[in-house]
Amino acid sequence: MLRKMVVLLVMLSLVLALTSICLAAEKPLGDITNANDVISKVFTGRTLDPIEGIWVRDENRVIAMVKSSVVYPN
């Protein structure tokens, strides 16, 4: 019983330690309030790949797909 508790405690602490890294995210493009901000900051002045763009499913769900090399240049 003690061994099971120790294994469970170690596993939970590892899961917590490894997932906490992904919980915080920075804003590489600053504060974006609407689709026009994304267009002016990311999509203007370059040729887009077929996957890149802004999709609007409804007024509450707007999705923007951007290549990571644009957001995090080397």
N, C-alpha and C. Protein backbone atom coordinates (compact mmCIF):
# COMPACT_ATOMS: atom_id res chain seq x y z
N MET A 1 0.81 -1.19 0.00
CA MET A 1 0.00 0.00 0.00
C MET A 1 0.86 1.26 0.00
N LEU A 2 1.92 1.25 0.80
CA LEU A 2 2.81 2.40 0.87
C LEU A 2 3.52 2.61 -0.47
N ARG A 3 3.89 1.52 -1.12
CA ARG A 3 4.56 1.62 -2.42
C ARG A 3 3.63 2.25 -3.46
N LYS A 4 2.36 1.88 -3.45
CA LYS A 4 1.39 2.46 -4.39
C LYS A 4 1.23 3.95 -4.15
N MET A 5 1.19 4.36 -2.91
CA MET A 5 1.06 5.77 -2.57
C MET A 5 2.27 6.57 -3.04
N VAL A 6 3.47 6.00 -2.86
CA VAL A 6 4.69 6.68 -3.28
C VAL A 6 4.73 6.81 -4.80
N VAL A 7 4.37 5.74 -5.49
CA VAL A 7 4.36 5.77 -6.96
C VAL A 7 3.33 6.78 -7.45
N LEU A 8 2.16 6.81 -6.85
CA LEU A 8 1.13 7.77 -7.23
C LEU A 8 1.59 9.20 -6.98
N LEU A 9 2.20 9.45 -5.86
CA LEU A 9 2.71 10.78 -5.54
C LEU A 9 3.79 11.22 -6.51
N VAL A 10 4.70 10.33 -6.87
CA VAL A 10 5.76 10.66 -7.83
C VAL A 10 5.16 10.93 -9.21
N MET A 11 4.21 10.12 -9.63
CA MET A 11 3.59 10.32 -10.94
C MET A 11 2.82 11.63 -11.00
N LEU A 12 2.06 11.93 -9.97
CA LEU A 12 1.31 13.19 -9.95
C LEU A 12 2.24 14.40 -9.94
N SER A 13 3.32 14.32 -9.20
CA SER A 13 4.25 15.45 -9.17
C SER A 13 4.94 15.62 -10.52
N LEU A 14 5.27 14.52 -11.21
CA LEU A 14 5.87 14.63 -12.55
C LEU A 14 4.89 15.22 -13.55
N VAL A 15 3.66 14.77 -13.50
CA VAL A 15 2.65 15.32 -14.42
C VAL A 15 2.45 16.80 -14.15
N LEU A 16 2.37 17.18 -12.92
CA LEU A 16 2.20 18.59 -12.58
C LEU A 16 3.40 19.42 -13.01
N ALA A 17 4.60 18.91 -12.80
CA ALA A 17 5.81 19.64 -13.17
C ALA A 17 5.93 19.79 -14.69
N LEU A 18 5.58 18.76 -15.43
CA LEU A 18 5.73 18.81 -16.89
C LEU A 18 4.62 19.60 -17.57
N THR A 19 3.43 19.61 -17.01
CA THR A 19 2.35 20.36 -17.64
C THR A 19 2.37 21.83 -17.25
N SER A 20 2.97 22.17 -16.16
CA SER A 20 2.99 23.58 -15.76
C SER A 20 3.82 24.43 -16.70
N ILE A 21 4.72 23.82 -17.44
CA ILE A 21 5.53 24.55 -18.41
C ILE A 21 4.65 25.08 -19.54
N CYS A 22 3.63 24.37 -19.90
CA CYS A 22 2.78 24.73 -21.03
C CYS A 22 1.62 25.65 -20.65
N LEU A 23 1.40 25.89 -19.39
CA LEU A 23 0.25 26.68 -19.00
C LEU A 23 0.41 28.17 -19.26
N ALA A 24 1.62 28.68 -19.17
CA ALA A 24 1.85 30.11 -19.39
C ALA A 24 2.32 30.32 -20.83
N ALA A 25 1.73 31.29 -21.50
CA ALA A 25 2.11 31.59 -22.87
C ALA A 25 2.28 33.09 -23.03
N GLU A 26 3.32 33.47 -23.73
CA GLU A 26 3.54 34.89 -23.97
C GLU A 26 2.72 35.35 -25.17
N LYS A 27 2.67 36.63 -25.39
CA LYS A 27 1.95 37.19 -26.53
C LYS A 27 2.99 37.74 -27.50
N PRO A 28 3.44 36.93 -28.46
CA PRO A 28 4.50 37.39 -29.37
C PRO A 28 4.07 38.51 -30.30
N LEU A 29 2.78 38.65 -30.54
CA LEU A 29 2.29 39.70 -31.43
C LEU A 29 1.68 40.86 -30.67
N GLY A 30 1.76 40.84 -29.36
CA GLY A 30 1.15 41.90 -28.56
C GLY A 30 -0.33 41.65 -28.39
N ASP A 31 -1.03 42.67 -27.97
CA ASP A 31 -2.47 42.54 -27.78
C ASP A 31 -3.19 42.68 -29.12
N ILE A 32 -3.90 41.64 -29.49
CA ILE A 32 -4.67 41.63 -30.74
C ILE A 32 -6.13 41.63 -30.36
N THR A 33 -6.86 42.59 -30.87
CA THR A 33 -8.27 42.70 -30.50
C THR A 33 -9.23 42.28 -31.60
N ASN A 34 -8.78 42.28 -32.86
CA ASN A 34 -9.69 41.89 -33.94
C ASN A 34 -8.89 41.33 -35.11
N ALA A 35 -9.59 40.89 -36.13
CA ALA A 35 -8.95 40.28 -37.29
C ALA A 35 -8.11 41.27 -38.08
N ASN A 36 -8.46 42.54 -38.07
CA ASN A 36 -7.67 43.53 -38.79
C ASN A 36 -6.27 43.70 -38.18
N ASP A 37 -6.14 43.53 -36.86
CA ASP A 37 -4.82 43.58 -36.22
C ASP A 37 -3.94 42.44 -36.72
N VAL A 38 -4.51 41.25 -36.84
CA VAL A 38 -3.75 40.10 -37.34
C VAL A 38 -3.33 40.32 -38.77
N ILE A 39 -4.22 40.81 -39.58
CA ILE A 39 -3.91 41.04 -40.99
C ILE A 39 -2.79 42.05 -41.12
N SER A 40 -2.84 43.13 -40.37
CA SER A 40 -1.81 44.17 -40.50
C SER A 40 -0.47 43.74 -39.91
N LYS A 41 -0.47 42.91 -38.87
CA LYS A 41 0.79 42.51 -38.23
C LYS A 41 1.43 41.29 -38.86
N VAL A 42 0.65 40.38 -39.43
CA VAL A 42 1.20 39.10 -39.86
C VAL A 42 1.07 38.85 -41.36
N PHE A 43 -0.07 39.14 -41.94
CA PHE A 43 -0.35 38.72 -43.31
C PHE A 43 0.01 39.75 -44.37
N THR A 44 0.28 40.98 -44.02
CA THR A 44 0.54 42.02 -45.01
C THR A 44 1.97 41.93 -45.53
N GLY A 45 2.13 42.03 -46.84
CA GLY A 45 3.45 42.12 -47.45
C GLY A 45 4.15 40.81 -47.74
N ARG A 46 3.45 39.69 -47.73
CA ARG A 46 4.08 38.42 -48.06
C ARG A 46 3.07 37.48 -48.67
N THR A 47 3.58 36.46 -49.35
CA THR A 47 2.72 35.45 -49.96
C THR A 47 2.35 34.43 -48.90
N LEU A 48 1.08 34.12 -48.80
CA LEU A 48 0.61 33.19 -47.78
C LEU A 48 0.61 31.76 -48.28
N ASP A 49 0.88 30.82 -47.39
CA ASP A 49 0.70 29.41 -47.70
C ASP A 49 -0.79 29.11 -47.74
N PRO A 50 -1.18 28.01 -48.39
CA PRO A 50 -2.61 27.70 -48.48
C PRO A 50 -3.29 27.50 -47.12
N ILE A 51 -2.57 27.07 -46.11
CA ILE A 51 -3.16 26.83 -44.80
C ILE A 51 -3.33 28.12 -44.00
N GLU A 52 -2.57 29.15 -44.31
CA GLU A 52 -2.61 30.39 -43.53
C GLU A 52 -3.84 31.22 -43.88
N GLY A 53 -4.36 31.90 -42.89
CA GLY A 53 -5.50 32.78 -43.11
C GLY A 53 -6.35 32.90 -41.86
N ILE A 54 -7.49 33.51 -42.04
CA ILE A 54 -8.43 33.70 -40.94
C ILE A 54 -9.74 33.04 -41.33
N TRP A 55 -10.23 32.17 -40.45
CA TRP A 55 -11.50 31.50 -40.67
C TRP A 55 -12.48 31.95 -39.61
N VAL A 56 -13.69 32.23 -40.04
CA VAL A 56 -14.74 32.65 -39.12
C VAL A 56 -15.83 31.58 -39.15
N ARG A 57 -15.97 30.87 -38.02
CA ARG A 57 -17.02 29.84 -37.92
C ARG A 57 -18.34 30.48 -37.54
N ASP A 58 -18.31 31.34 -36.57
CA ASP A 58 -19.45 32.15 -36.19
C ASP A 58 -18.88 33.39 -35.51
N GLU A 59 -19.72 34.24 -34.99
CA GLU A 59 -19.21 35.51 -34.44
C GLU A 59 -18.38 35.32 -33.18
N ASN A 60 -18.46 34.17 -32.53
CA ASN A 60 -17.68 33.90 -31.33
C ASN A 60 -16.42 33.09 -31.59
N ARG A 61 -16.29 32.50 -32.77
CA ARG A 61 -15.15 31.64 -33.08
C ARG A 61 -14.44 32.12 -34.34
N VAL A 62 -13.35 32.82 -34.12
CA VAL A 62 -12.51 33.29 -35.21
C VAL A 62 -11.14 32.65 -35.02
N ILE A 63 -10.65 31.96 -36.05
CA ILE A 63 -9.39 31.22 -35.96
C ILE A 63 -8.42 31.80 -36.97
N ALA A 64 -7.20 32.10 -36.52
CA ALA A 64 -6.14 32.58 -37.41
C ALA A 64 -5.02 31.56 -37.41
N MET A 65 -4.60 31.13 -38.60
CA MET A 65 -3.49 30.18 -38.75
C MET A 65 -2.30 30.93 -39.32
N VAL A 66 -1.16 30.87 -38.61
CA VAL A 66 0.05 31.58 -38.99
C VAL A 66 1.22 30.63 -38.85
N LYS A 67 2.17 30.68 -39.78
CA LYS A 67 3.37 29.86 -39.65
C LYS A 67 4.19 30.35 -38.46
N SER A 68 4.77 29.43 -37.73
CA SER A 68 5.53 29.82 -36.54
C SER A 68 6.81 30.58 -36.91
N SER A 69 7.34 30.40 -38.11
CA SER A 69 8.53 31.14 -38.51
C SER A 69 8.26 32.63 -38.68
N VAL A 70 6.99 32.99 -38.88
CA VAL A 70 6.63 34.39 -38.99
C VAL A 70 6.57 35.03 -37.60
N VAL A 71 6.04 34.30 -36.66
CA VAL A 71 5.87 34.81 -35.30
C VAL A 71 7.20 34.79 -34.56
N TYR A 72 7.99 33.72 -34.74
CA TYR A 72 9.28 33.58 -34.06
C TYR A 72 10.39 33.49 -35.10
N PRO A 73 10.79 34.58 -35.72
CA PRO A 73 11.86 34.49 -36.72
C PRO A 73 13.21 34.18 -36.06
N ASN A 74 14.06 33.51 -36.80
CA ASN A 74 15.41 33.16 -36.26
C ASN A 74 16.33 34.32 -36.25
